[in-house]
Amino acid sequence: MSKKMPIGVVYSTDPDFQYRYEETEEAETLEPARQDLRVMRDSKRRAGKTVTLITGFVGKEADLEQLGKTLKTRCGIGGTAKNGEIVLQGDVRDKVCEILTKEGYRFKRAGG
């Protein structure tokens, strides 16, 4: 979900005033074979906890969340999906790569 920001006016005393909002279009979700994902291990800014990070997803936020839910369910772990990234708890790169391959996604494994 993207936050809507009002255009121009910050405050008005007119009781009938209606804010105008920027309409941001979400990019169409590319098919799995056209996605270019990166699967990596990360522990920076996470209090030393290791996570598996999947970046590079192009598409709607709902589709990103659906892919994140699929990965979390099949790996049996927790995580989150937002801002074009999927963060999974622990180092499960092997399992994630296996699942992405079965789903038809194109990806590169990075980070040790």
N, C-alpha and C. Protein backbone atom coordinates (compact mmCIF):
# COMPACT_ATOMS: atom_id res chain seq x y z
N MET A 1 0.83 -1.17 0.00
CA MET A 1 0.00 0.00 0.00
C MET A 1 0.87 1.24 0.00
N SER A 2 0.56 2.13 -0.88
CA SER A 2 1.31 3.37 -0.91
C SER A 2 0.51 4.45 -0.20
N LYS A 3 1.21 5.32 0.48
CA LYS A 3 0.58 6.39 1.23
C LYS A 3 0.22 7.51 0.27
N LYS A 4 -1.02 7.98 0.33
CA LYS A 4 -1.45 9.07 -0.53
C LYS A 4 -1.04 10.39 0.11
N MET A 5 -0.45 11.25 -0.70
CA MET A 5 0.00 12.54 -0.22
C MET A 5 -0.87 13.63 -0.85
N PRO A 6 -1.36 14.58 -0.03
CA PRO A 6 -2.16 15.66 -0.60
C PRO A 6 -1.30 16.57 -1.49
N ILE A 7 -1.93 17.10 -2.53
CA ILE A 7 -1.24 17.99 -3.46
C ILE A 7 -1.54 19.43 -3.09
N GLY A 8 -0.50 20.24 -2.99
CA GLY A 8 -0.66 21.68 -2.83
C GLY A 8 -1.05 22.16 -1.45
N VAL A 9 -2.33 22.19 -1.13
CA VAL A 9 -2.84 22.81 0.09
C VAL A 9 -2.57 21.91 1.30
N VAL A 10 -2.06 22.52 2.37
CA VAL A 10 -1.79 21.78 3.60
C VAL A 10 -2.95 21.95 4.59
N TYR A 11 -3.57 23.13 4.59
CA TYR A 11 -4.63 23.43 5.53
C TYR A 11 -5.61 24.39 4.89
N SER A 12 -6.91 24.20 5.17
CA SER A 12 -7.92 25.11 4.64
C SER A 12 -9.01 25.32 5.68
N THR A 13 -9.52 26.55 5.77
CA THR A 13 -10.61 26.86 6.69
C THR A 13 -11.96 26.68 6.04
N ASP A 14 -12.00 26.40 4.76
CA ASP A 14 -13.24 26.18 4.03
C ASP A 14 -13.84 24.83 4.45
N PRO A 15 -15.06 24.80 5.02
CA PRO A 15 -15.64 23.54 5.49
C PRO A 15 -15.97 22.55 4.36
N ASP A 16 -16.11 23.05 3.13
CA ASP A 16 -16.43 22.18 2.00
C ASP A 16 -15.19 21.79 1.19
N PHE A 17 -14.02 22.11 1.70
CA PHE A 17 -12.78 21.84 0.96
C PHE A 17 -12.51 20.33 0.88
N GLN A 18 -12.09 19.89 -0.30
CA GLN A 18 -11.72 18.49 -0.52
C GLN A 18 -10.26 18.45 -0.97
N TYR A 19 -9.45 17.66 -0.27
CA TYR A 19 -8.05 17.51 -0.68
C TYR A 19 -7.97 16.75 -1.99
N ARG A 20 -7.00 17.13 -2.81
CA ARG A 20 -6.69 16.37 -4.03
C ARG A 20 -5.46 15.54 -3.70
N TYR A 21 -5.45 14.30 -4.14
CA TYR A 21 -4.34 13.40 -3.85
C TYR A 21 -3.65 12.97 -5.12
N GLU A 22 -2.34 12.74 -4.99
CA GLU A 22 -1.57 12.18 -6.10
C GLU A 22 -2.01 10.74 -6.30
N GLU A 23 -2.23 10.37 -7.51
CA GLU A 23 -2.57 8.99 -7.82
C GLU A 23 -1.31 8.31 -8.33
N THR A 24 -0.79 7.38 -7.55
CA THR A 24 0.40 6.66 -7.98
C THR A 24 -0.02 5.30 -8.52
N GLU A 25 0.44 5.01 -9.70
CA GLU A 25 0.11 3.73 -10.31
C GLU A 25 1.16 2.71 -9.93
N GLU A 26 0.67 1.54 -9.57
CA GLU A 26 1.60 0.45 -9.30
C GLU A 26 1.98 -0.19 -10.62
N ALA A 27 3.22 -0.63 -10.68
CA ALA A 27 3.68 -1.29 -11.89
C ALA A 27 2.96 -2.62 -12.06
N GLU A 28 2.69 -2.98 -13.29
CA GLU A 28 2.09 -4.29 -13.56
C GLU A 28 3.07 -5.36 -13.16
N THR A 29 2.56 -6.43 -12.60
CA THR A 29 3.42 -7.52 -12.16
C THR A 29 3.92 -8.29 -13.37
N LEU A 30 5.24 -8.41 -13.43
CA LEU A 30 5.84 -9.18 -14.52
C LEU A 30 5.61 -10.66 -14.26
N GLU A 31 5.54 -11.45 -15.33
CA GLU A 31 5.41 -12.89 -15.15
C GLU A 31 6.70 -13.43 -14.53
N PRO A 32 6.63 -14.57 -13.83
CA PRO A 32 7.80 -15.09 -13.11
C PRO A 32 9.06 -15.23 -13.96
N ALA A 33 8.94 -15.64 -15.20
CA ALA A 33 10.11 -15.83 -16.05
C ALA A 33 10.80 -14.52 -16.40
N ARG A 34 10.08 -13.39 -16.26
CA ARG A 34 10.67 -12.09 -16.58
C ARG A 34 11.16 -11.34 -15.35
N GLN A 35 10.87 -11.85 -14.15
CA GLN A 35 11.37 -11.24 -12.92
C GLN A 35 12.88 -11.45 -12.82
N ASP A 36 13.56 -10.53 -12.19
CA ASP A 36 15.01 -10.65 -11.99
C ASP A 36 15.30 -10.46 -10.50
N LEU A 37 15.09 -11.52 -9.73
CA LEU A 37 15.20 -11.45 -8.27
C LEU A 37 16.62 -11.70 -7.82
N ARG A 38 16.96 -11.20 -6.63
CA ARG A 38 18.24 -11.45 -5.98
C ARG A 38 17.95 -12.09 -4.63
N VAL A 39 18.58 -13.22 -4.37
CA VAL A 39 18.41 -13.93 -3.10
C VAL A 39 19.73 -13.84 -2.35
N MET A 40 19.70 -13.24 -1.15
CA MET A 40 20.94 -13.06 -0.41
C MET A 40 20.71 -13.17 1.10
N ARG A 41 21.80 -13.43 1.81
CA ARG A 41 21.79 -13.46 3.27
C ARG A 41 22.19 -12.07 3.76
N ASP A 42 21.55 -11.61 4.82
CA ASP A 42 21.83 -10.27 5.34
C ASP A 42 21.74 -10.28 6.86
N SER A 43 22.58 -9.51 7.51
CA SER A 43 22.48 -9.36 8.96
C SER A 43 22.75 -7.92 9.39
N LYS A 44 22.95 -7.03 8.45
CA LYS A 44 23.19 -5.62 8.77
C LYS A 44 21.89 -4.96 9.21
N ARG A 45 21.99 -4.07 10.18
CA ARG A 45 20.85 -3.32 10.72
C ARG A 45 19.76 -4.24 11.27
N ARG A 46 20.15 -5.45 11.71
CA ARG A 46 19.16 -6.40 12.21
C ARG A 46 19.60 -6.99 13.54
N ALA A 47 20.39 -6.25 14.28
CA ALA A 47 20.88 -6.67 15.60
C ALA A 47 21.58 -8.02 15.55
N GLY A 48 22.30 -8.28 14.47
CA GLY A 48 23.07 -9.50 14.35
C GLY A 48 22.27 -10.71 13.91
N LYS A 49 20.96 -10.57 13.74
CA LYS A 49 20.12 -11.68 13.30
C LYS A 49 20.29 -11.89 11.80
N THR A 50 20.39 -13.13 11.39
CA THR A 50 20.54 -13.45 9.97
C THR A 50 19.17 -13.59 9.33
N VAL A 51 19.01 -12.97 8.17
CA VAL A 51 17.77 -13.09 7.40
C VAL A 51 18.11 -13.41 5.96
N THR A 52 17.14 -13.96 5.25
CA THR A 52 17.25 -14.16 3.82
C THR A 52 16.47 -13.04 3.16
N LEU A 53 17.10 -12.32 2.26
CA LEU A 53 16.52 -11.14 1.63
C LEU A 53 16.32 -11.41 0.15
N ILE A 54 15.09 -11.21 -0.34
CA ILE A 54 14.78 -11.36 -1.76
C ILE A 54 14.40 -9.98 -2.27
N THR A 55 15.17 -9.45 -3.22
CA THR A 55 14.93 -8.11 -3.75
C THR A 55 14.72 -8.17 -5.26
N GLY A 56 14.29 -7.06 -5.83
CA GLY A 56 14.17 -6.95 -7.28
C GLY A 56 12.80 -7.30 -7.82
N PHE A 57 11.80 -7.50 -6.97
CA PHE A 57 10.46 -7.85 -7.45
C PHE A 57 9.83 -6.64 -8.11
N VAL A 58 9.29 -6.83 -9.31
CA VAL A 58 8.60 -5.76 -10.03
C VAL A 58 7.14 -6.14 -10.13
N GLY A 59 6.28 -5.32 -9.53
CA GLY A 59 4.86 -5.61 -9.61
C GLY A 59 4.07 -4.98 -8.48
N LYS A 60 2.83 -5.42 -8.38
CA LYS A 60 1.92 -4.89 -7.37
C LYS A 60 2.28 -5.40 -5.99
N GLU A 61 1.98 -4.59 -5.01
CA GLU A 61 2.28 -4.93 -3.61
C GLU A 61 1.56 -6.20 -3.19
N ALA A 62 0.33 -6.39 -3.67
CA ALA A 62 -0.44 -7.59 -3.32
C ALA A 62 0.25 -8.86 -3.84
N ASP A 63 0.82 -8.78 -5.04
CA ASP A 63 1.52 -9.93 -5.62
C ASP A 63 2.81 -10.22 -4.86
N LEU A 64 3.49 -9.16 -4.41
CA LEU A 64 4.69 -9.33 -3.59
C LEU A 64 4.33 -10.03 -2.28
N GLU A 65 3.25 -9.58 -1.65
CA GLU A 65 2.81 -10.18 -0.40
C GLU A 65 2.42 -11.64 -0.60
N GLN A 66 1.81 -11.95 -1.75
CA GLN A 66 1.43 -13.33 -2.03
C GLN A 66 2.66 -14.22 -2.19
N LEU A 67 3.68 -13.74 -2.90
CA LEU A 67 4.92 -14.50 -3.04
C LEU A 67 5.58 -14.67 -1.68
N GLY A 68 5.60 -13.62 -0.88
CA GLY A 68 6.16 -13.70 0.47
C GLY A 68 5.44 -14.72 1.32
N LYS A 69 4.13 -14.74 1.23
CA LYS A 69 3.34 -15.70 2.00
C LYS A 69 3.65 -17.13 1.55
N THR A 70 3.76 -17.33 0.25
CA THR A 70 4.10 -18.66 -0.28
C THR A 70 5.45 -19.12 0.25
N LEU A 71 6.45 -18.24 0.20
CA LEU A 71 7.79 -18.60 0.67
C LEU A 71 7.79 -18.88 2.18
N LYS A 72 7.10 -18.04 2.95
CA LYS A 72 7.05 -18.24 4.40
C LYS A 72 6.37 -19.56 4.75
N THR A 73 5.29 -19.87 4.06
CA THR A 73 4.55 -21.10 4.34
C THR A 73 5.37 -22.33 3.99
N ARG A 74 5.97 -22.33 2.82
CA ARG A 74 6.73 -23.50 2.38
C ARG A 74 8.02 -23.69 3.15
N CYS A 75 8.60 -22.60 3.65
CA CYS A 75 9.82 -22.72 4.46
C CYS A 75 9.51 -22.94 5.94
N GLY A 76 8.28 -22.65 6.33
CA GLY A 76 7.88 -22.83 7.72
C GLY A 76 8.52 -21.83 8.66
N ILE A 77 8.66 -20.58 8.20
CA ILE A 77 9.32 -19.54 9.00
C ILE A 77 8.52 -18.25 8.92
N GLY A 78 8.94 -17.26 9.68
CA GLY A 78 8.30 -15.94 9.66
C GLY A 78 9.04 -15.00 8.73
N GLY A 79 8.42 -13.87 8.50
CA GLY A 79 9.05 -12.86 7.65
C GLY A 79 8.07 -11.78 7.29
N THR A 80 8.48 -10.93 6.35
CA THR A 80 7.64 -9.83 5.90
C THR A 80 7.90 -9.55 4.43
N ALA A 81 6.92 -8.90 3.80
CA ALA A 81 7.06 -8.52 2.39
C ALA A 81 6.52 -7.10 2.24
N LYS A 82 7.43 -6.16 1.94
CA LYS A 82 7.02 -4.78 1.73
C LYS A 82 8.13 -4.01 1.01
N ASN A 83 7.75 -2.93 0.38
CA ASN A 83 8.70 -2.05 -0.33
C ASN A 83 9.56 -2.80 -1.34
N GLY A 84 8.99 -3.77 -2.03
CA GLY A 84 9.72 -4.49 -3.07
C GLY A 84 10.70 -5.52 -2.55
N GLU A 85 10.66 -5.82 -1.25
CA GLU A 85 11.57 -6.79 -0.65
C GLU A 85 10.80 -7.83 0.14
N ILE A 86 11.34 -9.04 0.17
CA ILE A 86 10.81 -10.08 1.04
C ILE A 86 11.93 -10.43 2.02
N VAL A 87 11.63 -10.36 3.31
CA VAL A 87 12.61 -10.66 4.35
C VAL A 87 12.12 -11.90 5.09
N LEU A 88 12.93 -12.97 5.07
CA LEU A 88 12.59 -14.21 5.75
C LEU A 88 13.56 -14.44 6.89
N GLN A 89 13.07 -14.94 8.01
CA GLN A 89 13.91 -15.16 9.18
C GLN A 89 14.85 -16.34 8.94
N GLY A 90 16.11 -16.16 9.26
CA GLY A 90 17.10 -17.23 9.14
C GLY A 90 17.71 -17.31 7.75
N ASP A 91 18.71 -18.18 7.62
CA ASP A 91 19.40 -18.38 6.34
C ASP A 91 18.78 -19.58 5.64
N VAL A 92 17.79 -19.31 4.78
CA VAL A 92 17.08 -20.37 4.06
C VAL A 92 17.22 -20.19 2.55
N ARG A 93 18.40 -19.72 2.13
CA ARG A 93 18.61 -19.44 0.72
C ARG A 93 18.42 -20.67 -0.16
N ASP A 94 18.92 -21.83 0.29
CA ASP A 94 18.80 -23.04 -0.52
C ASP A 94 17.34 -23.40 -0.77
N LYS A 95 16.55 -23.36 0.29
CA LYS A 95 15.13 -23.71 0.17
C LYS A 95 14.39 -22.69 -0.69
N VAL A 96 14.70 -21.40 -0.51
CA VAL A 96 14.06 -20.34 -1.28
C VAL A 96 14.39 -20.50 -2.76
N CYS A 97 15.65 -20.78 -3.07
CA CYS A 97 16.06 -20.96 -4.47
C CYS A 97 15.33 -22.15 -5.10
N GLU A 98 15.17 -23.20 -4.33
CA GLU A 98 14.45 -24.38 -4.82
C GLU A 98 12.99 -24.05 -5.12
N ILE A 99 12.34 -23.31 -4.21
CA ILE A 99 10.94 -22.93 -4.39
C ILE A 99 10.77 -21.99 -5.58
N LEU A 100 11.66 -20.99 -5.70
CA LEU A 100 11.58 -20.04 -6.81
C LEU A 100 11.77 -20.75 -8.15
N THR A 101 12.66 -21.74 -8.19
CA THR A 101 12.88 -22.50 -9.41
C THR A 101 11.61 -23.25 -9.81
N LYS A 102 10.97 -23.89 -8.83
CA LYS A 102 9.73 -24.63 -9.11
C LYS A 102 8.61 -23.71 -9.56
N GLU A 103 8.58 -22.49 -9.04
CA GLU A 103 7.55 -21.52 -9.41
C GLU A 103 7.84 -20.83 -10.75
N GLY A 104 9.04 -21.03 -11.29
CA GLY A 104 9.39 -20.47 -12.59
C GLY A 104 10.03 -19.09 -12.54
N TYR A 105 10.47 -18.63 -11.37
CA TYR A 105 11.08 -17.31 -11.24
C TYR A 105 12.54 -17.35 -11.68
N ARG A 106 12.99 -16.25 -12.26
CA ARG A 106 14.40 -16.07 -12.60
C ARG A 106 15.06 -15.33 -11.44
N PHE A 107 16.20 -15.82 -10.99
CA PHE A 107 16.85 -15.19 -9.85
C PHE A 107 18.35 -15.45 -9.89
N LYS A 108 19.06 -14.67 -9.09
CA LYS A 108 20.49 -14.87 -8.89
C LYS A 108 20.73 -14.97 -7.39
N ARG A 109 21.58 -15.88 -7.02
CA ARG A 109 21.91 -16.04 -5.61
C ARG A 109 23.16 -15.20 -5.33
N ALA A 110 23.11 -14.39 -4.30
CA ALA A 110 24.23 -13.52 -3.97
C ALA A 110 24.54 -13.63 -2.49
N GLY A 111 25.72 -13.21 -2.10
CA GLY A 111 26.08 -13.12 -0.69
C GLY A 111 26.48 -14.42 -0.03
N GLY A 112 27.64 -14.93 -0.40
CA GLY A 112 28.28 -16.05 0.27
C GLY A 112 27.58 -17.29 0.25
